[in-house]
Amino acid sequence: MSLWQTNIRGSGVFDVNFSFPSPGIVDRHSFVLANIVEVSQPQGEPLDFPFQGDATMEIHNIVPKDDGTLSIRFEVDWDSDLNCRVQVFVFD
């Protein structure tokens, strides 16, 4: 199992393609789970404070591909872009 984490920004329904630092981490047979949470940046701190705000967030699809990339469709129900953290769990 491996865990990967990154921050994204968005609102509405949108797709993000993730690349991994080395080949072979994911392919079409990979079992992948993901979560999403809103993050903020308290004054003087990095953008890494997870919290539950008023926006709802969902992951609709997770698609591991043979080229080693991962496509995820998100929905952030808010009228402007929000900062989010995505954590991806890849089970070997």
N, C-alpha and C. Protein backbone atom coordinates (compact mmCIF):
# COMPACT_ATOMS: atom_id res chain seq x y z
N MET A 1 0.85 -1.18 0.00
CA MET A 1 0.00 0.00 0.00
C MET A 1 0.89 1.24 0.00
N SER A 2 0.46 2.24 -0.73
CA SER A 2 1.16 3.52 -0.70
C SER A 2 0.13 4.64 -0.57
N LEU A 3 0.56 5.74 0.03
CA LEU A 3 -0.30 6.89 0.26
C LEU A 3 0.32 8.09 -0.44
N TRP A 4 -0.51 8.81 -1.18
CA TRP A 4 -0.07 10.00 -1.91
C TRP A 4 -1.01 11.13 -1.52
N GLN A 5 -0.48 12.34 -1.47
CA GLN A 5 -1.27 13.49 -1.05
C GLN A 5 -0.89 14.70 -1.88
N THR A 6 -1.89 15.48 -2.24
CA THR A 6 -1.64 16.73 -2.95
C THR A 6 -2.79 17.69 -2.67
N ASN A 7 -2.56 18.96 -2.90
CA ASN A 7 -3.62 19.96 -2.81
C ASN A 7 -4.10 20.32 -4.20
N ILE A 8 -5.42 20.52 -4.30
CA ILE A 8 -6.03 20.98 -5.55
C ILE A 8 -6.91 22.17 -5.21
N ARG A 9 -7.40 22.82 -6.24
CA ARG A 9 -8.31 23.95 -6.06
C ARG A 9 -9.40 23.83 -7.12
N GLY A 10 -10.66 23.98 -6.71
CA GLY A 10 -11.73 23.90 -7.69
C GLY A 10 -13.10 24.05 -7.07
N SER A 11 -14.09 24.10 -7.96
CA SER A 11 -15.50 24.13 -7.54
C SER A 11 -16.32 23.53 -8.67
N GLY A 12 -17.55 23.16 -8.34
CA GLY A 12 -18.39 22.49 -9.32
C GLY A 12 -17.89 21.07 -9.53
N VAL A 13 -18.22 20.50 -10.70
CA VAL A 13 -17.74 19.17 -11.06
C VAL A 13 -16.54 19.34 -11.98
N PHE A 14 -15.42 18.70 -11.64
CA PHE A 14 -14.21 18.85 -12.44
C PHE A 14 -13.36 17.60 -12.32
N ASP A 15 -12.53 17.38 -13.33
CA ASP A 15 -11.64 16.23 -13.37
C ASP A 15 -10.20 16.69 -13.14
N VAL A 16 -9.44 15.86 -12.44
CA VAL A 16 -8.01 16.11 -12.24
C VAL A 16 -7.27 14.83 -12.59
N ASN A 17 -6.20 14.96 -13.37
CA ASN A 17 -5.34 13.84 -13.71
C ASN A 17 -4.07 13.94 -12.87
N PHE A 18 -3.74 12.85 -12.21
CA PHE A 18 -2.57 12.81 -11.34
C PHE A 18 -1.51 11.92 -11.98
N SER A 19 -0.28 12.38 -11.92
CA SER A 19 0.87 11.59 -12.36
C SER A 19 1.68 11.22 -11.13
N PHE A 20 2.31 10.07 -11.16
CA PHE A 20 3.12 9.61 -10.05
C PHE A 20 4.59 9.75 -10.41
N PRO A 21 5.47 9.83 -9.41
CA PRO A 21 6.89 10.10 -9.68
C PRO A 21 7.64 8.97 -10.37
N SER A 22 7.10 7.78 -10.34
CA SER A 22 7.76 6.68 -11.04
C SER A 22 6.70 5.79 -11.68
N PRO A 23 7.04 5.11 -12.77
CA PRO A 23 6.07 4.26 -13.45
C PRO A 23 5.74 3.02 -12.63
N GLY A 24 4.60 2.43 -12.91
CA GLY A 24 4.23 1.17 -12.29
C GLY A 24 3.50 1.29 -10.97
N ILE A 25 3.23 2.50 -10.51
CA ILE A 25 2.51 2.66 -9.24
C ILE A 25 1.04 2.31 -9.40
N VAL A 26 0.44 2.74 -10.52
CA VAL A 26 -0.94 2.37 -10.81
C VAL A 26 -1.05 1.86 -12.24
N ASP A 27 -2.03 1.00 -12.44
CA ASP A 27 -2.45 0.57 -13.77
C ASP A 27 -3.92 0.20 -13.67
N ARG A 28 -4.49 -0.30 -14.74
CA ARG A 28 -5.93 -0.55 -14.78
C ARG A 28 -6.39 -1.58 -13.74
N HIS A 29 -5.48 -2.37 -13.18
CA HIS A 29 -5.83 -3.37 -12.19
C HIS A 29 -5.65 -2.89 -10.75
N SER A 30 -5.21 -1.66 -10.57
CA SER A 30 -4.95 -1.13 -9.23
C SER A 30 -6.25 -0.90 -8.47
N PHE A 31 -6.18 -1.16 -7.17
CA PHE A 31 -7.27 -0.85 -6.26
C PHE A 31 -6.92 0.47 -5.60
N VAL A 32 -7.73 1.50 -5.85
CA VAL A 32 -7.41 2.85 -5.39
C VAL A 32 -8.60 3.42 -4.62
N LEU A 33 -8.31 3.99 -3.47
CA LEU A 33 -9.29 4.74 -2.69
C LEU A 33 -8.78 6.17 -2.56
N ALA A 34 -9.71 7.12 -2.42
CA ALA A 34 -9.30 8.52 -2.28
C ALA A 34 -10.27 9.25 -1.35
N ASN A 35 -9.77 10.30 -0.73
CA ASN A 35 -10.64 11.16 0.04
C ASN A 35 -10.31 12.61 -0.27
N ILE A 36 -11.23 13.49 0.08
CA ILE A 36 -11.06 14.93 -0.15
C ILE A 36 -11.53 15.68 1.08
N VAL A 37 -10.81 16.74 1.41
CA VAL A 37 -11.17 17.58 2.55
C VAL A 37 -10.76 19.02 2.23
N GLU A 38 -11.53 19.96 2.71
CA GLU A 38 -11.17 21.36 2.54
C GLU A 38 -9.99 21.70 3.44
N VAL A 39 -9.08 22.53 2.95
CA VAL A 39 -7.95 22.98 3.75
C VAL A 39 -7.87 24.51 3.73
N SER A 40 -7.36 25.06 4.82
CA SER A 40 -7.18 26.50 4.90
C SER A 40 -5.75 26.79 5.34
N GLN A 41 -5.45 28.07 5.34
CA GLN A 41 -4.11 28.52 5.71
C GLN A 41 -4.22 29.56 6.81
N PRO A 42 -4.11 29.12 8.08
CA PRO A 42 -4.11 30.11 9.15
C PRO A 42 -2.94 31.08 8.98
N GLN A 43 -3.10 32.29 9.46
CA GLN A 43 -2.07 33.31 9.30
C GLN A 43 -0.72 32.80 9.78
N GLY A 44 0.28 32.93 8.91
CA GLY A 44 1.63 32.53 9.25
C GLY A 44 1.89 31.03 9.18
N GLU A 45 0.92 30.26 8.73
CA GLU A 45 1.04 28.81 8.66
C GLU A 45 0.96 28.36 7.20
N PRO A 46 1.38 27.12 6.91
CA PRO A 46 1.23 26.60 5.55
C PRO A 46 -0.23 26.22 5.25
N LEU A 47 -0.51 26.01 3.98
CA LEU A 47 -1.85 25.62 3.53
C LEU A 47 -2.04 24.13 3.83
N ASP A 48 -2.31 23.81 5.09
CA ASP A 48 -2.43 22.39 5.45
C ASP A 48 -3.33 22.15 6.65
N PHE A 49 -4.29 23.04 6.89
CA PHE A 49 -5.18 22.89 8.03
C PHE A 49 -6.52 22.34 7.54
N PRO A 50 -6.78 21.02 7.70
CA PRO A 50 -8.05 20.45 7.24
C PRO A 50 -9.19 20.84 8.17
N PHE A 51 -10.35 21.10 7.59
CA PHE A 51 -11.51 21.43 8.39
C PHE A 51 -12.79 21.12 7.61
N GLN A 52 -13.90 21.07 8.33
CA GLN A 52 -15.19 20.86 7.70
C GLN A 52 -15.90 22.19 7.62
N GLY A 53 -15.94 22.75 6.41
CA GLY A 53 -16.62 24.00 6.18
C GLY A 53 -18.05 23.75 5.76
N ASP A 54 -18.68 24.76 5.16
CA ASP A 54 -20.07 24.64 4.72
C ASP A 54 -20.22 23.95 3.37
N ALA A 55 -19.16 23.88 2.60
CA ALA A 55 -19.23 23.25 1.28
C ALA A 55 -19.25 21.73 1.42
N THR A 56 -20.03 21.08 0.56
CA THR A 56 -19.95 19.62 0.49
C THR A 56 -18.99 19.24 -0.62
N MET A 57 -18.28 18.13 -0.42
CA MET A 57 -17.27 17.67 -1.37
C MET A 57 -17.46 16.18 -1.61
N GLU A 58 -17.36 15.79 -2.88
CA GLU A 58 -17.54 14.38 -3.23
C GLU A 58 -16.52 13.95 -4.25
N ILE A 59 -16.22 12.66 -4.24
CA ILE A 59 -15.45 12.02 -5.30
C ILE A 59 -16.41 11.13 -6.06
N HIS A 60 -16.51 11.36 -7.36
CA HIS A 60 -17.46 10.60 -8.18
C HIS A 60 -16.82 9.38 -8.84
N ASN A 61 -15.65 9.54 -9.40
CA ASN A 61 -15.00 8.46 -10.13
C ASN A 61 -13.51 8.46 -9.86
N ILE A 62 -12.94 7.27 -9.78
CA ILE A 62 -11.49 7.09 -9.66
C ILE A 62 -11.09 6.11 -10.75
N VAL A 63 -10.23 6.57 -11.68
CA VAL A 63 -9.89 5.75 -12.85
C VAL A 63 -8.38 5.58 -12.96
N PRO A 64 -7.84 4.44 -12.49
CA PRO A 64 -6.42 4.15 -12.70
C PRO A 64 -6.19 3.70 -14.14
N LYS A 65 -5.11 4.20 -14.74
CA LYS A 65 -4.86 3.93 -16.16
C LYS A 65 -3.51 3.23 -16.35
N ASP A 66 -3.41 2.49 -17.45
CA ASP A 66 -2.19 1.75 -17.75
C ASP A 66 -0.98 2.64 -18.01
N ASP A 67 -1.19 3.91 -18.32
CA ASP A 67 -0.05 4.80 -18.54
C ASP A 67 0.53 5.33 -17.22
N GLY A 68 0.01 4.82 -16.09
CA GLY A 68 0.54 5.22 -14.79
C GLY A 68 -0.10 6.46 -14.20
N THR A 69 -1.14 6.98 -14.85
CA THR A 69 -1.84 8.15 -14.33
C THR A 69 -3.15 7.73 -13.68
N LEU A 70 -3.74 8.67 -12.97
CA LEU A 70 -4.98 8.44 -12.26
C LEU A 70 -5.89 9.63 -12.53
N SER A 71 -7.11 9.36 -13.00
CA SER A 71 -8.10 10.42 -13.21
C SER A 71 -9.14 10.33 -12.11
N ILE A 72 -9.44 11.47 -11.51
CA ILE A 72 -10.48 11.53 -10.49
C ILE A 72 -11.44 12.66 -10.82
N ARG A 73 -12.73 12.35 -10.75
CA ARG A 73 -13.78 13.38 -10.92
C ARG A 73 -14.27 13.79 -9.54
N PHE A 74 -14.21 15.10 -9.29
CA PHE A 74 -14.59 15.68 -8.01
C PHE A 74 -15.83 16.54 -8.17
N GLU A 75 -16.51 16.76 -7.05
CA GLU A 75 -17.56 17.78 -6.99
C GLU A 75 -17.38 18.56 -5.70
N VAL A 76 -17.22 19.87 -5.84
CA VAL A 76 -17.13 20.78 -4.71
C VAL A 76 -18.32 21.72 -4.84
N ASP A 77 -19.30 21.57 -3.96
CA ASP A 77 -20.54 22.32 -4.05
C ASP A 77 -20.38 23.68 -3.38
N TRP A 78 -19.77 24.59 -4.16
CA TRP A 78 -19.55 25.96 -3.68
C TRP A 78 -19.49 26.86 -4.89
N ASP A 79 -19.79 28.15 -4.74
CA ASP A 79 -19.86 29.03 -5.91
C ASP A 79 -18.51 29.65 -6.30
N SER A 80 -17.46 29.33 -5.57
CA SER A 80 -16.12 29.76 -5.96
C SER A 80 -15.14 28.63 -5.62
N ASP A 81 -13.95 28.71 -6.22
CA ASP A 81 -12.96 27.66 -6.00
C ASP A 81 -12.52 27.61 -4.54
N LEU A 82 -12.35 26.38 -4.04
CA LEU A 82 -11.87 26.16 -2.68
C LEU A 82 -10.59 25.33 -2.71
N ASN A 83 -9.76 25.52 -1.71
CA ASN A 83 -8.55 24.71 -1.56
C ASN A 83 -8.93 23.38 -0.91
N CYS A 84 -8.44 22.30 -1.50
CA CYS A 84 -8.77 20.96 -1.02
C CYS A 84 -7.51 20.11 -0.97
N ARG A 85 -7.50 19.17 -0.04
CA ARG A 85 -6.44 18.16 0.01
C ARG A 85 -7.04 16.85 -0.47
N VAL A 86 -6.30 16.18 -1.35
CA VAL A 86 -6.70 14.86 -1.83
C VAL A 86 -5.65 13.86 -1.35
N GLN A 87 -6.12 12.80 -0.74
CA GLN A 87 -5.24 11.71 -0.34
C GLN A 87 -5.67 10.48 -1.14
N VAL A 88 -4.68 9.82 -1.74
CA VAL A 88 -4.93 8.66 -2.59
C VAL A 88 -4.19 7.47 -1.99
N PHE A 89 -4.92 6.40 -1.80
CA PHE A 89 -4.38 5.14 -1.28
C PHE A 89 -4.34 4.13 -2.42
N VAL A 90 -3.18 3.63 -2.74
CA VAL A 90 -3.03 2.63 -3.78
C VAL A 90 -2.62 1.33 -3.10
N PHE A 91 -3.45 0.29 -3.30
CA PHE A 91 -3.18 -1.01 -2.70
C PHE A 91 -2.52 -1.90 -3.74
N ASP A 92 -1.39 -2.48 -3.40
CA ASP A 92 -0.63 -3.34 -4.31
C ASP A 92 -1.24 -4.72 -4.38
